[in-house]
Protein backbone atom coordinates (compact mmCIF):
# COMPACT_ATOMS: atom_id res chain seq x y z
CA UNK A 1 0.00 0.00 0.00
CA UNK A 2 2.96 2.33 0.49
CA UNK A 3 4.28 1.78 -3.01
CA UNK A 4 1.47 2.57 -5.45
CA UNK A 5 3.66 5.35 -6.83
CA UNK A 6 2.26 8.40 -5.05
CA UNK A 7 4.21 11.63 -4.82
CA UNK A 8 3.42 14.21 -2.16
CA UNK A 9 1.26 16.21 -4.57
CA UNK A 10 -0.75 13.21 -5.83
CA UNK A 11 -1.17 11.96 -2.26
CA UNK A 12 -2.50 15.34 -1.11
CA UNK A 13 -4.82 15.53 -4.12
CA UNK A 14 -6.25 12.11 -3.24
CA UNK A 15 -7.04 13.28 0.29
CA UNK A 16 -8.65 16.47 -1.04
CA UNK A 17 -10.79 14.30 -3.33
CA UNK A 18 -12.42 12.94 -0.19
CA UNK A 19 -13.03 16.50 1.01
CA UNK A 20 -14.74 17.40 -2.27
CA UNK A 21 -16.87 14.28 -2.04
CA UNK A 22 -17.81 15.36 1.50
CA UNK A 23 -19.08 18.72 0.10
CA UNK A 24 -16.29 20.73 1.70
CA UNK A 25 -16.09 24.40 0.73
CA UNK A 26 -12.72 24.94 2.44
CA UNK A 27 -9.61 22.77 2.64
CA UNK A 28 -6.56 23.97 4.54
CA UNK A 29 -3.16 22.32 4.57
CA UNK A 30 -1.17 22.95 7.74
CA UNK A 31 2.44 21.85 7.99
CA UNK A 32 4.91 21.89 10.87
CA UNK A 33 8.28 21.14 9.32
CA UNK A 34 10.86 22.54 11.73
CA UNK A 35 10.11 20.46 14.84
CA UNK A 36 11.76 17.15 15.74
CA UNK A 37 8.50 15.44 14.84
CA UNK A 38 7.22 17.19 11.68
CA UNK A 39 3.63 16.70 10.58
CA UNK A 40 1.17 17.65 7.84
CA UNK A 41 -2.57 18.07 8.36
CA UNK A 42 -5.29 18.41 5.71
CA UNK A 43 -8.42 19.97 7.22
CA UNK A 44 -11.83 20.35 5.60
CA UNK A 45 -15.26 21.65 6.57
CA UNK A 46 -17.19 18.82 4.90
CA UNK A 47 -20.04 16.76 6.33
CA UNK A 48 -17.77 14.83 8.68
CA UNK A 49 -18.18 11.26 9.95
CA UNK A 50 -19.61 9.46 12.96
CA UNK A 51 -17.40 6.87 14.64
CA UNK A 52 -18.88 3.94 12.70
CA UNK A 53 -18.35 5.78 9.42
CA UNK A 54 -14.82 6.69 10.44
CA UNK A 55 -13.89 3.10 11.27
CA UNK A 56 -15.26 2.01 7.91
CA UNK A 57 -13.30 4.75 6.15
CA UNK A 58 -10.11 3.59 7.86
CA UNK A 59 -10.59 0.07 6.50
CA UNK A 60 -8.44 -0.56 3.40
CA UNK A 61 -10.57 -1.20 0.31
CA UNK A 62 -13.70 0.12 1.94
CA UNK A 63 -15.63 0.70 -1.30
CA UNK A 64 -16.63 -1.33 -4.31
CA UNK A 65 -15.30 0.40 -7.47
CA UNK A 66 -18.40 -0.78 -9.34
CA UNK A 67 -20.81 1.09 -7.04
CA UNK A 68 -22.84 3.87 -8.62
CA UNK A 69 -21.70 7.27 -7.38
CA UNK A 70 -23.01 10.80 -7.19
CA UNK A 71 -21.64 13.22 -9.76
CA UNK A 72 -19.36 15.00 -7.28
CA UNK A 73 -17.93 11.75 -5.85
CA UNK A 74 -14.20 11.65 -6.67
CA UNK A 75 -13.49 8.34 -4.92
CA UNK A 76 -13.31 4.91 -6.47
CA UNK A 77 -11.67 2.04 -4.56
CA UNK A 78 -11.85 3.22 -0.95
CA UNK A 79 -8.06 2.96 -0.85
CA UNK A 80 -7.07 6.60 -1.36
CA UNK A 81 -7.10 7.76 2.26
CA UNK A 82 -4.90 4.90 3.40
CA UNK A 83 -2.62 4.34 0.42
CA UNK A 84 -2.02 8.06 -0.17
CA UNK A 85 -1.30 8.66 3.51
CA UNK A 86 0.97 5.66 4.00
CA UNK A 87 2.94 6.65 0.90
CA UNK A 88 4.12 9.69 2.89
CA UNK A 89 3.96 8.69 6.56
CA UNK A 90 3.92 5.79 9.00
CA UNK A 91 1.29 7.22 11.31
CA UNK A 92 -2.16 8.31 10.09
CA UNK A 93 -4.73 9.93 12.35
CA UNK A 94 -8.18 10.96 11.18
CA UNK A 95 -10.32 13.24 13.37
CA UNK A 96 -13.89 13.95 12.31
CA UNK A 97 -16.84 15.82 13.75
CA UNK A 98 -20.47 15.34 12.74
CA UNK A 99 -23.64 16.46 14.50
CA UNK A 100 -21.54 17.71 17.43
CA UNK A 101 -19.82 14.35 18.00
CA UNK A 102 -16.05 14.05 17.55
CA UNK A 103 -14.37 10.77 16.63
CA UNK A 104 -10.70 9.96 16.03
CA UNK A 105 -8.80 6.90 14.88
CA UNK A 106 -5.14 6.14 14.16
CA UNK A 107 -3.21 3.71 12.03
CA UNK A 108 0.40 3.36 13.21
CA UNK A 109 2.44 1.09 10.98
CA UNK A 110 5.05 0.59 13.70
CA UNK A 111 2.34 -0.76 16.01
CA UNK A 112 1.04 -2.99 13.24
CA UNK A 113 4.55 -4.33 12.66
CA UNK A 114 5.09 -4.99 16.37
CA UNK A 115 1.74 -6.69 17.03
CA UNK A 116 1.22 -8.23 13.57
CA UNK A 117 -2.42 -7.22 13.93
CA UNK A 118 -4.33 -4.79 11.73
CA UNK A 119 -6.22 -3.07 14.54
CA UNK A 120 -7.12 0.59 14.23
CA UNK A 121 -6.66 2.59 17.45
CA UNK A 122 -9.53 4.83 18.57
CA UNK A 123 -8.40 8.09 20.16
CA UNK A 124 -10.13 9.50 23.23
CA UNK A 125 -7.67 12.18 24.33
CA UNK A 126 -6.82 14.65 21.56
CA UNK A 127 -4.99 17.18 23.72
CA UNK A 128 -1.57 16.12 22.44
CA UNK A 129 -2.59 15.51 18.83
CA UNK A 130 -1.24 18.23 16.50
CA UNK A 131 -3.80 20.39 14.66
CA UNK A 132 -6.71 18.85 16.59
CA UNK A 133 -7.76 22.31 17.78
CA UNK A 134 -8.29 23.35 14.12
CA UNK A 135 -11.21 20.97 13.63
CA UNK A 136 -14.26 22.92 12.34
CA UNK A 137 -17.77 22.56 13.78
CA UNK A 138 -18.31 19.97 11.07
CA UNK A 139 -15.47 18.45 9.12
CA UNK A 140 -12.43 16.22 9.10
CA UNK A 141 -8.69 16.38 9.77
CA UNK A 142 -6.29 13.95 8.09
CA UNK A 143 -3.02 14.09 10.04
CA UNK A 144 0.27 12.62 8.83
CA UNK A 145 3.03 11.96 11.35
CA UNK A 146 6.29 10.01 11.14
CA UNK A 147 7.00 11.47 7.70
CA UNK A 148 9.68 8.94 6.83
CA UNK A 149 9.15 9.17 3.06
CA UNK A 150 9.58 12.96 3.06
CA UNK A 151 12.80 13.08 5.07
CA UNK A 152 14.71 9.98 4.01
CA UNK A 153 18.06 11.70 3.65
CA UNK A 154 18.06 14.01 6.69
CA UNK A 155 16.36 12.23 9.56
CA UNK A 156 18.94 13.50 12.04
CA UNK A 157 19.40 17.00 10.63
CA UNK A 158 16.33 19.09 11.49
CA UNK A 159 17.33 22.06 9.30
CA UNK A 160 17.93 20.04 6.14
CA UNK A 161 14.89 17.88 6.83
CA UNK A 162 12.68 20.96 7.10
CA UNK A 163 14.13 22.33 3.85
CA UNK A 164 13.44 19.04 2.09
CA UNK A 165 9.82 18.89 3.27
CA UNK A 166 9.21 22.56 2.44
CA UNK A 167 10.59 22.03 -1.06
CA UNK A 168 8.18 19.13 -1.56
CA UNK A 169 5.29 21.25 -0.28
CA UNK A 170 6.20 24.03 -2.70
CA UNK A 171 6.06 21.59 -5.60
CA UNK A 172 2.75 20.19 -4.37
CA UNK A 173 1.21 23.66 -4.24
CA UNK A 174 1.30 24.15 -8.00
CA UNK A 175 -0.12 20.68 -8.59
CA UNK A 176 -3.10 21.35 -6.34
CA UNK A 177 -3.77 24.77 -7.90
CA UNK A 178 -3.90 23.04 -11.29
CA UNK A 179 -5.62 19.83 -10.26
CA UNK A 180 -8.62 21.53 -8.60
CA UNK A 181 -8.66 24.78 -10.60
CA UNK A 182 -12.19 24.23 -11.90
CA UNK A 183 -13.48 23.93 -8.33
CA UNK A 184 -11.62 27.10 -7.31
CA UNK A 185 -12.56 29.38 -10.24
CA UNK A 186 -15.33 31.93 -10.57
CA UNK A 187 -16.91 34.54 -8.32
CA UNK A 188 -18.53 31.80 -6.23
CA UNK A 189 -15.99 28.97 -6.16
CA UNK A 190 -17.02 25.61 -4.76
CA UNK A 191 -13.67 25.15 -3.06
CA UNK A 192 -11.17 27.37 -1.26
CA UNK A 193 -7.67 25.93 -0.79
CA UNK A 194 -5.27 27.30 1.81
CA UNK A 195 -1.67 26.45 2.66
CA UNK A 196 -0.61 27.50 6.16
CA UNK A 197 -3.22 30.26 6.10
CA UNK A 198 -2.41 31.50 2.60
CA UNK A 199 -5.19 31.26 0.02
CA UNK A 200 -4.13 29.52 -3.20
CA UNK A 201 -5.25 30.82 -6.58
CA UNK A 202 -6.27 28.46 -9.39
CA UNK A 203 -4.13 27.87 -12.48
CA UNK A 204 -6.22 27.62 -15.64
CA UNK A 205 -4.12 25.66 -18.16
CA UNK A 206 -6.23 27.04 -21.02
CA UNK A 207 -5.81 30.76 -20.23
CA UNK A 208 -9.50 31.30 -20.87
CA UNK A 209 -9.41 34.82 -19.44
CA UNK A 210 -6.90 35.97 -22.06
CA UNK A 211 -8.54 37.70 -25.01
CA UNK A 212 -6.13 36.11 -27.51
CA UNK A 213 -6.87 32.52 -26.52
CA UNK A 214 -8.68 30.69 -29.33
CA UNK A 215 -11.57 28.61 -27.99
CA UNK A 216 -13.42 26.01 -30.04
CA UNK A 217 -17.01 24.90 -29.32
CA UNK A 218 -17.64 21.98 -26.96
CA UNK A 219 -18.02 18.64 -28.76
CA UNK A 220 -20.01 15.74 -27.28
CA UNK A 221 -19.36 12.03 -27.74
CA UNK A 222 -22.26 9.99 -26.28
CA UNK A 223 -21.20 6.50 -25.15
CA UNK A 224 -22.88 3.64 -23.31
CA UNK A 225 -21.61 4.70 -19.86
CA UNK A 226 -21.83 8.46 -20.27
CA UNK A 227 -20.89 11.44 -22.40
CA UNK A 228 -17.32 12.48 -23.16
CA UNK A 229 -16.95 16.23 -23.68
CA UNK A 230 -14.01 17.75 -25.55
CA UNK A 231 -13.03 21.35 -26.12
CA UNK A 232 -9.96 22.65 -27.93
CA UNK A 233 -7.88 25.67 -26.96
CA UNK A 234 -4.99 27.42 -28.67
CA UNK A 235 -2.97 29.55 -26.26
CA UNK A 236 -1.80 33.06 -27.19
CA UNK A 237 1.68 33.57 -28.59
CA UNK A 238 4.14 34.22 -25.77
CA UNK A 239 4.72 37.78 -27.06
CA UNK A 240 1.09 38.55 -26.17
CA UNK A 241 1.41 37.52 -22.50
CA UNK A 242 3.42 38.79 -19.57
CA UNK A 243 6.47 36.70 -18.73
CA UNK A 244 5.02 35.85 -15.32
CA UNK A 245 1.73 34.62 -16.79
CA UNK A 246 3.51 32.67 -19.52
CA UNK A 247 5.86 30.93 -17.06
CA UNK A 248 3.04 30.03 -14.69
CA UNK A 249 1.04 28.58 -17.57
CA UNK A 250 3.93 26.40 -18.68
CA UNK A 251 5.09 25.43 -15.20
CA UNK A 252 8.53 24.03 -14.37
CA UNK A 253 8.47 21.66 -17.36
CA UNK A 254 7.71 24.42 -19.87
CA UNK A 255 5.10 24.65 -22.62
CA UNK A 256 6.72 22.00 -24.80
CA UNK A 257 5.97 19.33 -22.18
CA UNK A 258 2.55 20.63 -21.15
CA UNK A 259 0.80 20.65 -24.54
CA UNK A 260 -1.80 18.04 -25.38
CA UNK A 261 -4.76 16.49 -23.58
CA UNK A 262 -6.00 17.54 -20.16
CA UNK A 263 -8.18 14.71 -18.91
CA UNK A 264 -10.73 15.59 -16.20
CA UNK A 265 -12.82 13.18 -14.18
CA UNK A 266 -15.77 15.09 -12.72
CA UNK A 267 -13.82 18.36 -13.29
CA UNK A 268 -10.85 17.00 -11.32
CA UNK A 269 -7.65 16.91 -13.40
CA UNK A 270 -6.27 13.40 -13.98
CA UNK A 271 -3.72 13.93 -16.77
CA UNK A 272 -2.09 17.29 -17.48
CA UNK A 273 -0.49 17.61 -20.87
CA UNK A 274 0.09 14.54 -23.03
CA UNK A 275 -0.90 13.53 -26.56
CA UNK A 276 -1.25 9.94 -25.28
CA UNK A 277 0.52 8.55 -28.31
CA UNK A 278 -1.64 10.38 -30.89
CA UNK A 279 0.95 13.04 -31.76
CA UNK A 280 4.45 14.20 -30.97
CA UNK A 281 5.19 17.11 -28.68
CA UNK A 282 6.80 19.70 -30.94
CA UNK A 283 7.74 23.34 -30.64
CA UNK A 284 5.17 24.44 -33.23
CA UNK A 285 2.27 22.64 -31.50
CA UNK A 286 3.04 23.66 -27.93
CA UNK A 287 0.13 26.11 -27.88
CA UNK A 288 -2.38 23.27 -28.39
CA UNK A 289 -4.39 22.01 -25.42
CA UNK A 290 -7.53 19.86 -25.38
CA UNK A 291 -9.85 19.57 -22.40
CA UNK A 292 -11.47 16.14 -22.13
CA UNK A 293 -14.22 15.64 -19.53
CA UNK A 294 -15.31 12.16 -18.50
CA UNK A 295 -17.89 11.14 -15.85
CA UNK A 296 -17.03 8.83 -12.93
CA UNK A 297 -19.24 6.18 -14.54
CA UNK A 298 -16.50 5.56 -17.10
CA UNK A 299 -13.64 4.74 -14.69
CA UNK A 300 -13.34 1.12 -15.84
CA UNK A 301 -13.45 2.10 -19.53
CA UNK A 302 -10.63 4.61 -19.02
CA UNK A 303 -8.69 2.35 -16.61
CA UNK A 304 -8.41 5.07 -13.96
CA UNK A 305 -5.71 3.95 -11.51
CA UNK A 306 -5.78 4.07 -7.69
CA UNK A 307 -3.85 7.35 -7.59
CA UNK A 308 -6.24 8.93 -10.11
CA UNK A 309 -3.13 10.12 -11.91
CA UNK A 310 -3.26 7.95 -15.02
CA UNK A 311 -5.83 6.85 -17.61
CA UNK A 312 -6.06 5.06 -20.96
CA UNK A 313 -8.42 6.14 -23.72
CA UNK A 314 -11.01 3.67 -25.02
CA UNK A 315 -10.55 2.94 -28.77
CA UNK A 316 -13.70 4.81 -29.83
CA UNK A 317 -12.55 7.93 -27.98
CA UNK A 318 -9.04 7.60 -29.40
CA UNK A 319 -10.42 7.66 -32.95
CA UNK A 320 -12.42 10.82 -32.27
CA UNK A 321 -9.53 12.59 -30.55
CA UNK A 322 -7.12 11.72 -33.34
CA UNK A 323 -9.22 13.81 -35.74
CA UNK A 324 -9.38 16.65 -33.22
CA UNK A 325 -5.60 16.62 -32.84
CA UNK A 326 -5.04 16.91 -36.58
CA UNK A 327 -7.30 19.95 -36.80
CA UNK A 328 -6.00 21.65 -33.66
CA UNK A 329 -2.34 21.30 -34.48
CA UNK A 330 -2.86 23.29 -37.66
CA UNK A 331 -4.30 26.16 -35.62
CA UNK A 332 -1.38 26.08 -33.17
CA UNK A 333 1.20 26.09 -35.94
CA UNK A 334 -0.42 29.10 -37.62
CA UNK A 335 -0.54 31.00 -34.31
CA UNK A 336 3.05 30.22 -33.39
CA UNK A 337 4.45 30.95 -36.87
CA UNK A 338 2.37 34.09 -37.52
CA UNK A 339 5.06 36.48 -36.36
CA UNK A 340 7.69 34.50 -38.24
CA UNK A 341 5.82 34.54 -41.55
CA UNK A 342 7.14 38.01 -42.31
CA UNK A 343 10.69 36.62 -42.29
CA UNK A 344 10.00 34.64 -45.43
CA UNK A 345 8.13 37.33 -47.35
CA UNK A 346 10.48 38.80 -49.96
CA UNK A 347 8.33 41.92 -50.26
CA UNK A 348 9.13 42.77 -46.66
CA UNK A 349 12.90 43.01 -47.23
CA UNK A 350 14.10 40.49 -44.63
CA UNK A 351 17.71 40.57 -43.47
CA UNK A 352 17.72 36.78 -43.79
CA UNK A 353 16.55 34.77 -46.81
CA UNK A 354 14.74 31.50 -46.18
CA UNK A 355 15.51 28.97 -48.91
CA UNK A 356 14.02 25.52 -49.39
CA UNK A 357 16.46 23.24 -51.14
CA UNK A 358 16.44 19.43 -51.50
CA UNK A 359 13.99 19.05 -48.62
CA UNK A 360 16.09 21.28 -46.37
CA UNK A 361 15.53 24.82 -45.10
CA UNK A 362 18.53 27.12 -45.32
CA UNK A 363 18.89 30.65 -43.90
CA UNK A 364 21.31 33.06 -45.61
CA UNK A 365 21.97 36.78 -45.17
CA UNK A 366 19.90 38.64 -47.75
CA UNK A 367 22.56 40.33 -49.85
CA UNK A 368 19.81 42.11 -51.82
CA UNK A 369 18.61 44.06 -48.77
CA UNK A 370 19.16 47.73 -49.62
CA UNK A 371 21.19 48.31 -46.44
CA UNK A 372 23.58 45.54 -47.45
CA UNK A 373 23.63 46.12 -51.21
CA UNK A 374 23.97 49.89 -50.72
CA UNK A 375 26.94 49.46 -48.41
CA UNK A 376 28.54 47.03 -50.87
CA UNK A 377 28.23 49.55 -53.69
CA UNK A 378 29.92 52.18 -51.54
CA UNK A 379 33.00 49.96 -51.18
CA UNK A 380 35.92 50.11 -53.57
CA UNK A 381 35.68 47.36 -56.19
CA UNK A 382 38.59 45.40 -54.69
CA UNK A 383 36.77 45.05 -51.30
CA UNK A 384 33.38 43.92 -52.55
CA UNK A 385 34.25 40.26 -53.05
CA UNK A 386 35.71 40.07 -49.55
CA UNK A 387 32.55 41.66 -48.15
CA UNK A 388 30.37 39.02 -49.81
CA UNK A 389 32.69 36.29 -48.51
CA UNK A 390 32.22 37.61 -44.96
CA UNK A 391 28.44 37.46 -45.39
CA UNK A 392 28.68 33.86 -46.60
CA UNK A 393 30.80 32.96 -43.57
CA UNK A 394 28.17 34.48 -41.25
CA UNK A 395 25.39 32.51 -42.97
CA UNK A 396 27.25 29.19 -42.98
CA UNK A 397 28.44 29.76 -39.41
CA UNK A 398 24.98 29.78 -37.82
CA UNK A 399 25.25 27.59 -34.68
CA UNK A 400 22.39 25.29 -35.71
CA UNK A 401 22.92 22.62 -33.03
CA UNK A 402 22.91 25.21 -30.26
CA UNK A 403 19.85 26.91 -31.75
CA UNK A 404 18.00 23.60 -31.94
CA UNK A 405 18.82 22.80 -28.30
CA UNK A 406 17.86 26.27 -27.08
CA UNK A 407 14.61 26.37 -29.07
CA UNK A 408 13.53 22.96 -27.81
CA UNK A 409 14.33 24.04 -24.27
CA UNK A 410 12.09 27.11 -24.63
CA UNK A 411 11.83 29.22 -27.76
CA UNK A 412 10.49 32.15 -25.77
CA UNK A 413 13.86 32.44 -24.01
CA UNK A 414 15.86 32.85 -27.24
CA UNK A 415 16.40 36.46 -28.35
CA UNK A 416 18.30 38.32 -31.06
CA UNK A 417 21.00 40.68 -29.84
CA UNK A 418 19.62 44.15 -29.12
CA UNK A 419 21.19 47.07 -31.05
CA UNK A 420 20.63 50.80 -30.51
CA UNK A 421 19.49 52.84 -33.48
CA UNK A 422 22.67 54.90 -33.62
CA UNK A 423 24.57 51.76 -34.60
CA UNK A 424 22.09 51.06 -37.39
CA UNK A 425 21.48 54.60 -38.64
CA UNK A 426 24.09 54.63 -41.44
CA UNK A 427 22.85 51.38 -42.98
CA UNK A 428 19.20 52.44 -42.58
CA UNK A 429 19.89 55.77 -44.27
CA UNK A 430 21.47 53.96 -47.22
CA UNK A 431 18.45 51.67 -47.52
CA UNK A 432 15.98 54.56 -47.32
CA UNK A 433 17.77 56.52 -50.06
CA UNK A 434 17.84 53.47 -52.36
CA UNK A 435 14.14 52.72 -51.81
CA UNK A 436 13.19 56.39 -52.12
CA UNK A 437 15.01 56.46 -55.44
CA UNK A 438 12.72 53.73 -56.75
CA UNK A 439 9.71 55.97 -56.13
CA UNK A 440 8.57 54.19 -52.98
CA UNK A 441 6.58 56.36 -50.55
CA UNK A 442 7.70 56.98 -46.97
CA UNK A 443 4.91 54.82 -45.57
CA UNK A 444 5.87 51.92 -47.86
CA UNK A 445 9.54 52.30 -46.96
CA UNK A 446 8.71 52.11 -43.25
CA UNK A 447 6.37 49.15 -43.76
CA UNK A 448 9.05 47.22 -45.63
CA UNK A 449 12.07 48.05 -43.47
CA UNK A 450 10.28 47.70 -40.12
CA UNK A 451 8.48 44.45 -40.88
CA UNK A 452 11.04 42.49 -38.83
CA UNK A 453 13.86 42.94 -36.38
CA UNK A 454 16.07 44.75 -35.70
CA UNK A 455 14.22 47.72 -37.24
CA UNK A 456 10.77 46.75 -35.93
CA UNK A 457 11.88 47.99 -32.49
CA UNK A 458 13.03 51.33 -33.96
CA UNK A 459 10.04 52.16 -36.14
CA UNK A 460 9.68 55.76 -34.91
CA UNK A 461 13.36 56.48 -35.54
CA UNK A 462 13.16 54.98 -39.04
CA UNK A 463 10.08 57.08 -39.80
CA UNK A 464 11.78 60.31 -38.68
CA UNK A 465 14.89 59.54 -40.69
CA UNK A 466 12.83 58.72 -43.79
CA UNK A 467 10.81 61.96 -43.49
CA UNK A 468 14.00 64.01 -43.03
CA UNK A 469 15.52 62.44 -46.12
CA UNK A 470 12.34 63.08 -48.14
CA UNK A 471 12.23 66.69 -46.96
CA UNK A 472 15.91 67.19 -47.82
CA UNK A 473 15.56 65.75 -51.30
CA UNK A 474 12.44 67.81 -52.04
CA UNK A 475 14.17 71.09 -51.25
């Protein structure tokens, strides 16, 4: 039971599932990490349990997974409370209050090992039990003590042990904000999550509040055991979001690893970001996300595991989602490449030429750009060949392997070198004079030169220089 594969975040989420099922509107996580005997408590204001109900809840495998459940019921096997808790601790205490009556019971694995008897201990005196005084008028406390799985490396070093547990709690916080975000959203959320008194805000993986997010209509797939709902989202380009919002949306793994399907069981997130074998995770599709909602009546069909952290799509759903993926990926690619399209438009005078040759894509400095060609013409004849050779060396010397690695790691972190306008002014003036000599208007000159970097960032300066040149030539 200790080795189902729980992490701290999935274990906490499994406990909070029980709180949601118990109609809790508030769940608070309290943690004491600096003492010699650290503990973690998960407290809710749900309907609570009488002693008989509590004893039944403490029994491993207390529910039949085939039982019919209410829509908000997030349980399945009746194992979550015990298996999730024991994955993190050796001592589990549950305190619950219902109709003014308080009951408490403890599983201590050390006692079980010593006596070789699976006998739950009922608690009468709660005065020395941590967090017991935080029990609401109605609700439940799940208390973890003997946190051996969270402090394996520093059992005798209180400072390092506390740092290790706090680091794990910090990682769990993001998971919970994402896992239960649909319960926490809106003006009247169904659930309020707190960590040591601090209210947690939800993380919407689809950025639905952003005006640039592309949202498709909901699609329904009626099946024998219920209806599967799907909805496709294409996130905004990273240039349209603040860096903080973009980073929070992508999380520690980044957007490349968080694209794909988001599977929800009764609005509780099961899988966050995976194409489940239907597509590859690529840089150009990392804006694609698909919300898939399934009811708890389809657990067996989807092979929901004990941790509620994994699922497998039924064949009929896989066929439907494959078609959705093909359509959605096209939208993501267009969104992500939109800003880059100007780089391959010859009419926009790019500094780099994009050439398709023998199935390959090659980038070369655009020697026909008026800034470059104008400077070449100003050189003495004997220097022009050397100048072109230098340009070819720059083009062939692009560090492609490094660029590939950096782009895969996070394209939004890769930038061109910034240059002030004073360094560019001479070349820009040459380009303006050449284009003006062809009869091109000032507005067209600006549109062509400033269609891409580095001049896009200096559009006002280019405009002023072009107007000054036009005024000077007209006099």
